[in-house]
PDB file of all heavy atoms in Angstrom:
ATOM      1  N   VAL A   1      71.847-110.966-165.991  1.00  0.00           N
ATOM      2  CA  VAL A   1      72.624-110.212-166.979  1.00  0.00           C
ATOM      3  C   VAL A   1      71.716-109.426-167.925  1.00  0.00           C
ATOM      4  O   VAL A   1      71.861-108.201-168.066  1.00  0.00           O
ATOM      5  CB  VAL A   1      73.553-111.146-167.794  1.00  0.00           C
ATOM      6  CG1 VAL A   1      74.298-110.363-168.869  1.00  0.00           C
ATOM      7  CG2 VAL A   1      74.539-111.850-166.873  1.00  0.00           C
ATOM      8  N   ILE A   2      70.793-110.119-168.587  1.00  0.00           N
ATOM      9  CA  ILE A   2      70.002-109.462-169.620  1.00  0.00           C
ATOM     10  C   ILE A   2      69.098-108.384-169.043  1.00  0.00           C
ATOM     11  O   ILE A   2      69.090-107.242-169.526  1.00  0.00           O
ATOM     12  CB  ILE A   2      69.181-110.505-170.404  1.00  0.00           C
ATOM     13  CG1 ILE A   2      70.125-111.452-171.148  1.00  0.00           C
ATOM     14  CG2 ILE A   2      68.237-109.809-171.381  1.00  0.00           C
ATOM     15  CD1 ILE A   2      69.426-112.577-171.871  1.00  0.00           C
ATOM     16  N   GLN A   3      68.331-108.714-168.014  1.00  0.00           N
ATOM     17  CA  GLN A   3      67.404-107.728-167.450  1.00  0.00           C
ATOM     18  C   GLN A   3      68.115-106.495-166.879  1.00  0.00           C
ATOM     19  O   GLN A   3      67.761-105.361-167.236  1.00  0.00           O
ATOM     20  CB  GLN A   3      66.509-108.386-166.394  1.00  0.00           C
ATOM     21  CG  GLN A   3      65.484-109.337-166.991  1.00  0.00           C
ATOM     22  CD  GLN A   3      64.570-109.943-165.936  1.00  0.00           C
ATOM     23  OE1 GLN A   3      64.560-109.538-164.774  1.00  0.00           O
ATOM     24  NE2 GLN A   3      63.799-110.929-166.341  1.00  0.00           N
ATOM     25  N   PRO A   4      69.114-106.660-166.027  1.00  0.00           N
ATOM     26  CA  PRO A   4      69.808-105.453-165.522  1.00  0.00           C
ATOM     27  C   PRO A   4      70.584-104.722-166.615  1.00  0.00           C
ATOM     28  O   PRO A   4      70.723-103.494-166.566  1.00  0.00           O
ATOM     29  CB  PRO A   4      70.733-105.982-164.429  1.00  0.00           C
ATOM     30  CG  PRO A   4      70.865-107.438-164.681  1.00  0.00           C
ATOM     31  CD  PRO A   4      69.591-107.877-165.327  1.00  0.00           C
ATOM     32  N   GLY A   5      71.098-105.446-167.615  1.00  0.00           N
ATOM     33  CA  GLY A   5      71.795-104.794-168.707  1.00  0.00           C
ATOM     34  C   GLY A   5      70.848-103.943-169.536  1.00  0.00           C
ATOM     35  O   GLY A   5      71.148-102.788-169.871  1.00  0.00           O
ATOM     36  N   ASN A   6      69.675-104.500-169.864  1.00  0.00           N
ATOM     37  CA  ASN A   6      68.676-103.742-170.604  1.00  0.00           C
ATOM     38  C   ASN A   6      68.212-102.528-169.806  1.00  0.00           C
ATOM     39  O   ASN A   6      68.006-101.435-170.360  1.00  0.00           O
ATOM     40  CB  ASN A   6      67.485-104.629-170.938  1.00  0.00           C
ATOM     41  CG  ASN A   6      67.787-105.641-172.028  1.00  0.00           C
ATOM     42  OD1 ASN A   6      68.937-105.781-172.448  1.00  0.00           O
ATOM     43  ND2 ASN A   6      66.784-106.338-172.483  1.00  0.00           N
ATOM     44  N   ALA A   7      68.039-102.723-168.495  1.00  0.00           N
ATOM     45  CA  ALA A   7      67.576-101.617-167.653  1.00  0.00           C
ATOM     46  C   ALA A   7      68.589-100.485-167.634  1.00  0.00           C
ATOM     47  O   ALA A   7      68.217 -99.301-167.690  1.00  0.00           O
ATOM     48  CB  ALA A   7      67.309-102.121-166.235  1.00  0.00           C
ATOM     49  N   LEU A   8      69.870-100.815-167.567  1.00  0.00           N
ATOM     50  CA  LEU A   8      70.907 -99.785-167.535  1.00  0.00           C
ATOM     51  C   LEU A   8      70.956 -99.019-168.857  1.00  0.00           C
ATOM     52  O   LEU A   8      71.045 -97.781-168.866  1.00  0.00           O
ATOM     53  CB  LEU A   8      72.264-100.416-167.227  1.00  0.00           C
ATOM     54  CG  LEU A   8      73.454 -99.456-167.127  1.00  0.00           C
ATOM     55  CD1 LEU A   8      73.187 -98.346-166.110  1.00  0.00           C
ATOM     56  CD2 LEU A   8      74.722-100.215-166.777  1.00  0.00           C
ATOM     57  N   ILE A   9      70.905 -99.730-169.968  1.00  0.00           N
ATOM     58  CA  ILE A   9      70.890 -99.052-171.263  1.00  0.00           C
ATOM     59  C   ILE A   9      69.651 -98.183-171.391  1.00  0.00           C
ATOM     60  O   ILE A   9      69.697 -97.056-171.894  1.00  0.00           O
ATOM     61  CB  ILE A   9      70.960-100.084-172.406  1.00  0.00           C
ATOM     62  CG1 ILE A   9      72.320-100.788-172.402  1.00  0.00           C
ATOM     63  CG2 ILE A   9      70.725 -99.390-173.758  1.00  0.00           C
ATOM     64  CD1 ILE A   9      72.420-101.934-173.378  1.00  0.00           C
ATOM     65  N   GLY A  10      68.506 -98.702-170.896  1.00  0.00           N
ATOM     66  CA  GLY A  10      67.279 -97.927-170.917  1.00  0.00           C
ATOM     67  C   GLY A  10      67.403 -96.636-170.122  1.00  0.00           C
ATOM     68  O   GLY A  10      66.884 -95.585-170.530  1.00  0.00           O
ATOM     69  N   ARG A  11      68.114 -96.689-169.013  1.00  0.00           N
ATOM     70  CA  ARG A  11      68.329 -95.488-168.202  1.00  0.00           C
ATOM     71  C   ARG A  11      69.156 -94.448-168.974  1.00  0.00           C
ATOM     72  O   ARG A  11      68.891 -93.249-168.887  1.00  0.00           O
ATOM     73  CB  ARG A  11      69.041 -95.832-166.892  1.00  0.00           C
ATOM     74  CG  ARG A  11      68.234 -96.685-165.928  1.00  0.00           C
ATOM     75  CD  ARG A  11      69.010 -96.902-164.636  1.00  0.00           C
ATOM     76  NE  ARG A  11      69.025 -95.683-163.829  1.00  0.00           N
ATOM     77  CZ  ARG A  11      69.819 -95.501-162.775  1.00  0.00           C
ATOM     78  NH1 ARG A  11      70.684 -96.457-162.417  1.00  0.00           N
ATOM     79  NH2 ARG A  11      69.763 -94.376-162.075  1.00  0.00           N
ATOM     80  N   VAL A  12      70.151 -94.925-169.700  1.00  0.00           N
ATOM     81  CA  VAL A  12      70.985 -94.015-170.491  1.00  0.00           C
ATOM     82  C   VAL A  12      70.135 -93.316-171.553  1.00  0.00           C
ATOM     83  O   VAL A  12      70.202 -92.088-171.724  1.00  0.00           O
ATOM     84  CB  VAL A  12      72.153 -94.770-171.154  1.00  0.00           C
ATOM     85  CG1 VAL A  12      72.930 -93.852-172.087  1.00  0.00           C
ATOM     86  CG2 VAL A  12      73.086 -95.351-170.081  1.00  0.00           C
ATOM     87  N   LEU A  13      69.335 -94.097-172.257  1.00  0.00           N
ATOM     88  CA  LEU A  13      68.502 -93.526-173.314  1.00  0.00           C
ATOM     89  C   LEU A  13      67.436 -92.592-172.727  1.00  0.00           C
ATOM     90  O   LEU A  13      67.193 -91.505-173.278  1.00  0.00           O
ATOM     91  CB  LEU A  13      67.842 -94.644-174.123  1.00  0.00           C
ATOM     92  CG  LEU A  13      68.797 -95.575-174.886  1.00  0.00           C
ATOM     93  CD1 LEU A  13      68.009 -96.656-175.605  1.00  0.00           C
ATOM     94  CD2 LEU A  13      69.654 -94.800-175.868  1.00  0.00           C
ATOM     95  N   GLN A  14      66.829 -93.010-171.610  1.00  0.00           N
ATOM     96  CA  GLN A  14      65.790 -92.176-171.003  1.00  0.00           C
ATOM     97  C   GLN A  14      66.373 -90.869-170.484  1.00  0.00           C
ATOM     98  O   GLN A  14      65.713 -89.830-170.533  1.00  0.00           O
ATOM     99  CB  GLN A  14      65.103 -92.937-169.872  1.00  0.00           C
ATOM    100  CG  GLN A  14      63.842 -92.254-169.326  1.00  0.00           C
ATOM    101  CD  GLN A  14      62.763 -92.126-170.394  1.00  0.00           C
ATOM    102  OE1 GLN A  14      62.382 -93.107-171.016  1.00  0.00           O
ATOM    103  NE2 GLN A  14      62.267 -90.905-170.590  1.00  0.00           N
ATOM    104  N   ARG A  15      67.597 -90.912-169.997  1.00  0.00           N
ATOM    105  CA  ARG A  15      68.272 -89.681-169.551  1.00  0.00           C
ATOM    106  C   ARG A  15      68.335 -88.678-170.700  1.00  0.00           C
ATOM    107  O   ARG A  15      68.079 -87.487-170.541  1.00  0.00           O
ATOM    108  CB  ARG A  15      69.680 -90.015-169.062  1.00  0.00           C
ATOM    109  CG  ARG A  15      70.523 -88.813-168.588  1.00  0.00           C
ATOM    110  CD  ARG A  15      71.914 -89.318-168.251  1.00  0.00           C
ATOM    111  NE  ARG A  15      72.758 -88.334-167.567  1.00  0.00           N
ATOM    112  CZ  ARG A  15      73.621 -87.524-168.165  1.00  0.00           C
ATOM    113  NH1 ARG A  15      73.723 -87.555-169.495  1.00  0.00           N
ATOM    114  NH2 ARG A  15      74.374 -86.701-167.467  1.00  0.00           N
ATOM    115  N   GLY A  16      68.699 -89.182-171.892  1.00  0.00           N
ATOM    116  CA  GLY A  16      68.776 -88.310-173.042  1.00  0.00           C
ATOM    117  C   GLY A  16      67.432 -87.730-173.421  1.00  0.00           C
ATOM    118  O   GLY A  16      67.325 -86.547-173.790  1.00  0.00           O
ATOM    119  N   VAL A  17      66.382 -88.550-173.323  1.00  0.00           N
ATOM    120  CA  VAL A  17      65.029 -88.072-173.632  1.00  0.00           C
ATOM    121  C   VAL A  17      64.604 -87.015-172.617  1.00  0.00           C
ATOM    122  O   VAL A  17      64.092 -85.947-172.978  1.00  0.00           O
ATOM    123  CB  VAL A  17      64.030 -89.242-173.646  1.00  0.00           C
ATOM    124  CG1 VAL A  17      62.595 -88.729-173.801  1.00  0.00           C
ATOM    125  CG2 VAL A  17      64.365 -90.220-174.774  1.00  0.00           C
ATOM    126  N   ASP A  18      64.820 -87.305-171.343  1.00  0.00           N
ATOM    127  CA  ASP A  18      64.394 -86.379-170.281  1.00  0.00           C
ATOM    128  C   ASP A  18      65.122 -85.040-170.360  1.00  0.00           C
ATOM    129  O   ASP A  18      64.562 -84.006-169.982  1.00  0.00           O
ATOM    130  CB  ASP A  18      64.632 -87.005-168.899  1.00  0.00           C
ATOM    131  CG  ASP A  18      63.746 -88.214-168.652  1.00  0.00           C
ATOM    132  OD1 ASP A  18      62.732 -88.374-169.368  1.00  0.00           O
ATOM    133  OD2 ASP A  18      64.062 -89.016-167.734  1.00  0.00           O
ATOM    134  N   ARG A  19      66.348 -85.056-170.831  1.00  0.00           N
ATOM    135  CA  ARG A  19      67.134 -83.812-170.935  1.00  0.00           C
ATOM    136  C   ARG A  19      66.951 -83.096-172.274  1.00  0.00           C
ATOM    137  O   ARG A  19      67.599 -82.103-172.539  1.00  0.00           O
ATOM    138  CB  ARG A  19      68.623 -84.136-170.718  1.00  0.00           C
ATOM    139  CG  ARG A  19      68.963 -84.542-169.297  1.00  0.00           C
ATOM    140  CD  ARG A  19      70.303 -85.272-169.206  1.00  0.00           C
ATOM    141  NE  ARG A  19      71.402 -84.485-169.710  1.00  0.00           N
ATOM    142  CZ  ARG A  19      72.366 -83.922-168.941  1.00  0.00           C
ATOM    143  NH1 ARG A  19      72.333 -84.068-167.626  1.00  0.00           N
ATOM    144  NH2 ARG A  19      73.348 -83.248-169.491  1.00  0.00           N
ATOM    145  N   GLY A  20      66.078 -83.642-173.100  1.00  0.00           N
ATOM    146  CA  GLY A  20      65.844 -83.030-174.398  1.00  0.00           C
ATOM    147  C   GLY A  20      66.961 -83.239-175.392  1.00  0.00           C
ATOM    148  O   GLY A  20      67.078 -82.507-176.380  1.00  0.00           O
ATOM    149  N   GLU A  21      67.801 -84.266-175.167  1.00  0.00           N
ATOM    150  CA  GLU A  21      68.931 -84.529-176.057  1.00  0.00           C
ATOM    151  C   GLU A  21      68.602 -85.617-177.084  1.00  0.00           C
ATOM    152  O   GLU A  21      69.178 -85.625-178.180  1.00  0.00           O
ATOM    153  CB  GLU A  21      70.148 -84.954-175.232  1.00  0.00           C
ATOM    154  CG  GLU A  21      70.613 -83.898-174.256  1.00  0.00           C
ATOM    155  CD  GLU A  21      71.636 -84.428-173.264  1.00  0.00           C
ATOM    156  OE1 GLU A  21      71.478 -85.567-172.768  1.00  0.00           O
ATOM    157  OE2 GLU A  21      72.598 -83.691-172.991  1.00  0.00           O
ATOM    158  N   PHE A  22      67.745 -86.559-176.719  1.00  0.00           N
ATOM    159  CA  PHE A  22      67.327 -87.638-177.612  1.00  0.00           C
ATOM    160  C   PHE A  22      65.831 -87.528-177.877  1.00  0.00           C
ATOM    161  O   PHE A  22      65.077 -87.064-177.016  1.00  0.00           O
ATOM    162  CB  PHE A  22      67.601 -89.012-177.005  1.00  0.00           C
ATOM    163  CG  PHE A  22      69.049 -89.320-176.747  1.00  0.00           C
ATOM    164  CD1 PHE A  22      69.400 -90.340-175.873  1.00  0.00           C
ATOM    165  CD2 PHE A  22      70.069 -88.624-177.386  1.00  0.00           C
ATOM    166  CE1 PHE A  22      70.726 -90.647-175.622  1.00  0.00           C
ATOM    167  CE2 PHE A  22      71.399 -88.921-177.137  1.00  0.00           C
ATOM    168  CZ  PHE A  22      71.729 -89.936-176.260  1.00  0.00           C
ATOM    169  N   ARG A  23      65.421 -87.971-179.029  1.00  0.00           N
ATOM    170  CA  ARG A  23      63.998 -88.029-179.304  1.00  0.00           C
ATOM    171  C   ARG A  23      63.388 -89.236-178.590  1.00  0.00           C
ATOM    172  O   ARG A  23      64.077 -90.223-178.325  1.00  0.00           O
ATOM    173  CB  ARG A  23      63.724 -88.092-180.805  1.00  0.00           C
ATOM    174  CG  ARG A  23      64.279 -89.327-181.516  1.00  0.00           C
ATOM    175  CD  ARG A  23      64.092 -89.199-183.018  1.00  0.00           C
ATOM    176  NE  ARG A  23      64.620 -90.363-183.731  1.00  0.00           N
ATOM    177  CZ  ARG A  23      63.927 -91.468-183.958  1.00  0.00           C
ATOM    178  NH1 ARG A  23      62.686 -91.581-183.511  1.00  0.00           N
ATOM    179  NH2 ARG A  23      64.473 -92.459-184.634  1.00  0.00           N
ATOM    180  N   ALA A  24      62.117 -89.154-178.291  1.00  0.00           N
ATOM    181  CA  ALA A  24      61.434 -90.238-177.587  1.00  0.00           C
ATOM    182  C   ALA A  24      61.305 -91.467-178.499  1.00  0.00           C
ATOM    183  O   ALA A  24      60.960 -91.341-179.675  1.00  0.00           O
ATOM    184  CB  ALA A  24      60.056 -89.774-177.119  1.00  0.00           C
ATOM    185  N   ILE A  25      61.612 -92.639-177.954  1.00  0.00           N
ATOM    186  CA  ILE A  25      61.482 -93.884-178.703  1.00  0.00           C
ATOM    187  C   ILE A  25      60.854 -94.931-177.796  1.00  0.00           C
ATOM    188  O   ILE A  25      60.720 -94.736-176.591  1.00  0.00           O
ATOM    189  CB  ILE A  25      62.859 -94.396-179.200  1.00  0.00           C
ATOM    190  CG1 ILE A  25      63.805 -94.636-177.995  1.00  0.00           C
ATOM    191  CG2 ILE A  25      63.487 -93.425-180.188  1.00  0.00           C
ATOM    192  CD1 ILE A  25      65.114 -95.302-178.401  1.00  0.00           C
ATOM    193  N   ASP A  26      60.486 -96.054-178.378  1.00  0.00           N
ATOM    194  CA  ASP A  26      59.972 -97.191-177.617  1.00  0.00           C
ATOM    195  C   ASP A  26      61.164 -97.845-176.913  1.00  0.00           C
ATOM    196  O   ASP A  26      61.975 -98.523-177.547  1.00  0.00           O
ATOM    197  CB  ASP A  26      59.301 -98.187-178.562  1.00  0.00           C
ATOM    198  CG  ASP A  26      58.673 -99.369-177.839  1.00  0.00           C
ATOM    199  OD1 ASP A  26      59.066 -99.650-176.682  1.00  0.00           O
ATOM    200  OD2 ASP A  26      57.808-100.016-178.429  1.00  0.00           O
ATOM    201  N   MET A  27      61.271 -97.639-175.613  1.00  0.00           N
ATOM    202  CA  MET A  27      62.435 -98.115-174.874  1.00  0.00           C
ATOM    203  C   MET A  27      62.551 -99.641-174.828  1.00  0.00           C
ATOM    204  O   MET A  27      63.652-100.184-174.717  1.00  0.00           O
ATOM    205  CB  MET A  27      62.413 -97.557-173.446  1.00  0.00           C
ATOM    206  CG  MET A  27      62.671 -96.074-173.365  1.00  0.00           C
ATOM    207  SD  MET A  27      64.281 -95.621-174.042  1.00  0.00           S
ATOM    208  CE  MET A  27      64.182 -93.836-173.966  1.00  0.00           C
ATOM    209  N   LYS A  28      61.427-100.335-174.916  1.00  0.00           N
ATOM    210  CA  LYS A  28      61.478-101.798-174.889  1.00  0.00           C
ATOM    211  C   LYS A  28      62.371-102.330-176.006  1.00  0.00           C
ATOM    212  O   LYS A  28      63.137-103.288-175.826  1.00  0.00           O
ATOM    213  CB  LYS A  28      60.065-102.375-175.019  1.00  0.00           C
ATOM    214  CG  LYS A  28      60.028-103.900-175.058  1.00  0.00           C
ATOM    215  CD  LYS A  28      58.607-104.424-175.176  1.00  0.00           C
ATOM    216  CE  LYS A  28      58.594-105.950-175.245  1.00  0.00           C
ATOM    217  NZ  LYS A  28      57.208-106.484-175.359  1.00  0.00           N
ATOM    218  N   TYR A  29      62.247-101.705-177.175  1.00  0.00           N
ATOM    219  CA  TYR A  29      63.041-102.131-178.319  1.00  0.00           C
ATOM    220  C   TYR A  29      64.230-101.215-178.571  1.00  0.00           C
ATOM    221  O   TYR A  29      65.200-101.607-179.236  1.00  0.00           O
ATOM    222  CB  TYR A  29      62.157-102.208-179.571  1.00  0.00           C
ATOM    223  CG  TYR A  29      61.049-103.219-179.423  1.00  0.00           C
ATOM    224  CD1 TYR A  29      59.733-102.818-179.238  1.00  0.00           C
ATOM    225  CD2 TYR A  29      61.321-104.580-179.426  1.00  0.00           C
ATOM    226  CE1 TYR A  29      58.710-103.746-179.080  1.00  0.00           C
ATOM    227  CE2 TYR A  29      60.306-105.520-179.267  1.00  0.00           C
ATOM    228  CZ  TYR A  29      59.015-105.093-179.090  1.00  0.00           C
ATOM    229  OH  TYR A  29      58.012-106.016-178.920  1.00  0.00           O
ATOM    230  N   GLY A  30      64.156-100.010-178.037  1.00  0.00           N
ATOM    231  CA  GLY A  30      65.259 -99.084-178.230  1.00  0.00           C
ATOM    232  C   GLY A  30      66.574 -99.574-177.659  1.00  0.00           C
ATOM    233  O   GLY A  30      67.643 -99.304-178.221  1.00  0.00           O
ATOM    234  N   VAL A  31      66.510-100.318-176.546  1.00  0.00           N
ATOM    235  CA  VAL A  31      67.754-100.811-175.945  1.00  0.00           C
ATOM    236  C   VAL A  31      68.520-101.726-176.890  1.00  0.00           C
ATOM    237  O   VAL A  31      69.760-101.803-176.842  1.00  0.00           O
ATOM    238  CB  VAL A  31      67.487-101.533-174.603  1.00  0.00           C
ATOM    239  CG1 VAL A  31      66.910-100.587-173.574  1.00  0.00           C
ATOM    240  CG2 VAL A  31      66.579-102.737-174.786  1.00  0.00           C
ATOM    241  N   TYR A  32      67.784-102.396-177.793  1.00  0.00           N
ATOM    242  CA  TYR A  32      68.462-103.324-178.706  1.00  0.00           C
ATOM    243  C   TYR A  32      69.218-102.597-179.806  1.00  0.00           C
ATOM    244  O   TYR A  32      70.091-103.194-180.455  1.00  0.00           O
ATOM    245  CB  TYR A  32      67.448-104.307-179.295  1.00  0.00           C
ATOM    246  CG  TYR A  32      66.886-105.227-178.241  1.00  0.00           C
ATOM    247  CD1 TYR A  32      65.618-105.015-177.709  1.00  0.00           C
ATOM    248  CD2 TYR A  32      67.636-106.295-177.739  1.00  0.00           C
ATOM    249  CE1 TYR A  32      65.107-105.844-176.712  1.00  0.00           C
ATOM    250  CE2 TYR A  32      67.143-107.118-176.742  1.00  0.00           C
ATOM    251  CZ  TYR A  32      65.878-106.881-176.237  1.00  0.00           C
ATOM    252  OH  TYR A  32      65.381-107.695-175.246  1.00  0.00           O
ATOM    253  N   ILE A  33      68.896-101.314-180.019  1.00  0.00           N
ATOM    254  CA  ILE A  33      69.691-100.505-180.941  1.00  0.00           C
ATOM    255  C   ILE A  33      71.132-100.421-180.437  1.00  0.00           C
ATOM    256  O   ILE A  33      72.083-100.456-181.212  1.00  0.00           O
ATOM    257  CB  ILE A  33      69.087 -99.096-181.073  1.00  0.00           C
ATOM    258  CG1 ILE A  33      67.687 -99.152-181.674  1.00  0.00           C
ATOM    259  CG2 ILE A  33      70.003 -98.196-181.916  1.00  0.00           C
ATOM    260  CD1 ILE A  33      66.970 -97.818-181.640  1.00  0.00           C
TER     261      ILE A  33
END
């Protein structure tokens, strides 16, 4: 649960970074936001 859940949220955030929609953050802790 935790690992795949964190990975999925990380993918959402990274998508935003890659598309220039979100600023770059530390994804390890960013998922907890």
